[in-house]
Amino acid sequence: MSQRSDYFSVANDTKWRELREAVLNLKSSDPPRFRCKNLETGNLSQWDGEWFYHWTSGGWDWMEWAELSIAAPHQRTLVRAILKRIRFVGKETAAGFRIYGYVRNGEEAGYVE
């Protein structure tokens, strides 16, 4: 279990809400699946693809990071553009993207490019 004081916030509700709205505006085949890590408990959620209700349940102040799973090259391009526009701190991974709500004090993290 992590102490919130060991981390600093790099995303707020506005960013998370903008991400949700942008994903909901994608064609029905293009939204990525997601899973989230809880900062306070260390729990990792199951993969989910339901952005309308599940993405917002419980707010976002508990979310250390979220991973977005990408299934196709064009989907990666769409999601990268969204993350760059919103200016999310994160990184591209082989499976998609990891975006941060909190970063551990002393660690460096850059914006998704």
Protein backbone atom coordinates (compact mmCIF):
# COMPACT_ATOMS: atom_id res chain seq x y z
CA MET A 1 0.00 0.00 0.00
CA SER A 2 1.34 3.43 -0.99
CA GLN A 3 1.28 6.66 0.94
CA ARG A 4 -0.31 9.45 -1.07
CA SER A 5 2.39 11.80 0.26
CA ASP A 6 5.01 9.78 -1.67
CA TYR A 7 3.41 10.93 -4.95
CA PHE A 8 2.51 14.13 -6.73
CA SER A 9 -0.55 14.61 -8.92
CA VAL A 10 -0.05 15.02 -12.68
CA ALA A 11 -3.69 14.74 -13.79
CA ASN A 12 -6.92 16.24 -12.55
CA ASP A 13 -10.60 15.44 -13.07
CA THR A 14 -10.70 17.73 -16.10
CA LYS A 15 -8.05 15.68 -17.93
CA TRP A 16 -9.73 12.37 -17.09
CA ARG A 17 -13.12 13.77 -18.16
CA GLU A 18 -11.68 15.10 -21.45
CA LEU A 19 -10.17 11.68 -22.15
CA ARG A 20 -13.52 9.99 -21.57
CA GLU A 21 -15.35 12.45 -23.84
CA ALA A 22 -12.77 12.08 -26.62
CA VAL A 23 -12.91 8.27 -26.45
CA LEU A 24 -16.70 8.30 -26.51
CA ASN A 25 -16.51 10.35 -29.73
CA LEU A 26 -14.46 7.66 -31.50
CA LYS A 27 -16.14 5.19 -33.82
CA SER A 28 -17.59 2.27 -31.88
CA SER A 29 -14.73 -0.04 -32.95
CA ASP A 30 -11.94 2.33 -31.89
CA PRO A 31 -12.10 2.91 -28.10
CA PRO A 32 -9.21 1.23 -26.28
CA ARG A 33 -9.69 -1.13 -23.38
CA PHE A 34 -8.38 0.10 -20.04
CA ARG A 35 -7.24 -1.06 -16.64
CA CYS A 36 -6.29 1.09 -13.68
CA LYS A 37 -4.00 0.88 -10.67
CA ASN A 38 -5.33 2.16 -7.35
CA LEU A 39 -2.77 4.40 -5.63
CA GLU A 40 -4.00 3.69 -2.13
CA THR A 41 -4.54 -0.08 -2.27
CA GLY A 42 -2.19 -1.13 -5.06
CA ASN A 43 -5.05 -3.07 -6.66
CA LEU A 44 -5.02 -3.47 -10.42
CA SER A 45 -8.43 -3.58 -12.09
CA GLN A 46 -9.50 -6.04 -14.73
CA TRP A 47 -9.43 -4.92 -18.36
CA ASP A 48 -12.60 -3.07 -19.27
CA GLY A 49 -13.92 -1.35 -22.37
CA GLU A 50 -16.99 0.42 -21.05
CA TRP A 51 -16.15 4.14 -21.05
CA PHE A 52 -19.60 5.60 -20.41
CA TYR A 53 -20.23 4.35 -16.86
CA HIS A 54 -17.28 2.25 -15.71
CA TRP A 55 -14.62 4.87 -16.51
CA THR A 56 -16.30 7.39 -14.22
CA SER A 57 -17.29 5.13 -11.32
CA GLY A 58 -15.62 6.33 -8.14
CA GLY A 59 -14.00 9.40 -9.69
CA TRP A 60 -10.29 9.52 -10.48
CA ASP A 61 -8.52 10.77 -7.37
CA TRP A 62 -7.49 7.20 -6.51
CA MET A 63 -5.96 6.39 -9.93
CA GLU A 64 -2.17 6.08 -9.92
CA TRP A 65 -2.18 5.16 -13.60
CA ALA A 66 -4.30 3.74 -16.38
CA GLU A 67 -3.16 1.49 -19.18
CA LEU A 68 -4.88 1.75 -22.54
CA SER A 69 -4.74 -1.36 -24.69
CA ILE A 70 -4.46 -0.81 -28.43
CA ALA A 71 -5.66 -3.42 -30.91
CA ALA A 72 -4.82 -1.83 -34.30
CA PRO A 73 -2.28 0.66 -35.72
CA HIS A 74 -4.95 3.23 -36.66
CA GLN A 75 -6.33 3.03 -33.12
CA ARG A 76 -2.85 3.79 -31.72
CA THR A 77 -2.69 6.90 -33.91
CA LEU A 78 -6.12 8.09 -32.74
CA VAL A 79 -5.42 7.51 -29.06
CA ARG A 80 -1.95 9.08 -29.24
CA ALA A 81 -3.48 12.23 -30.77
CA ILE A 82 -6.02 12.42 -27.93
CA LEU A 83 -3.37 11.99 -25.23
CA LYS A 84 -1.10 14.59 -26.83
CA ARG A 85 -3.93 17.10 -27.16
CA ILE A 86 -4.93 16.70 -23.51
CA ARG A 87 -1.24 16.70 -22.47
CA PHE A 88 -1.24 13.51 -20.44
CA VAL A 89 1.89 12.48 -18.62
CA GLY A 90 2.66 8.96 -19.70
CA LYS A 91 4.45 6.71 -22.12
CA GLU A 92 3.81 4.53 -25.10
CA THR A 93 4.11 0.80 -24.46
CA ALA A 94 4.10 -2.26 -26.69
CA ALA A 95 0.46 -2.87 -25.72
CA GLY A 96 -0.66 0.77 -25.99
CA PHE A 97 -0.15 3.57 -23.46
CA ARG A 98 0.28 4.07 -19.74
CA ILE A 99 -0.97 7.44 -18.49
CA TYR A 100 -0.44 8.75 -14.99
CA GLY A 101 -2.62 10.38 -12.41
CA TYR A 102 0.24 10.36 -9.88
CA VAL A 103 4.00 10.02 -10.16
CA ARG A 104 6.26 9.03 -7.30
CA ASN A 105 8.22 11.95 -5.82
CA GLY A 106 11.68 12.17 -7.40
CA GLU A 107 10.75 10.23 -10.54
CA GLU A 108 10.70 11.90 -13.91
CA ALA A 109 7.83 11.47 -16.32
CA GLY A 110 7.17 13.12 -19.64
CA TYR A 111 4.14 13.87 -21.75
CA VAL A 112 2.89 11.37 -24.31
CA GLU A 113 4.47 12.32 -27.64
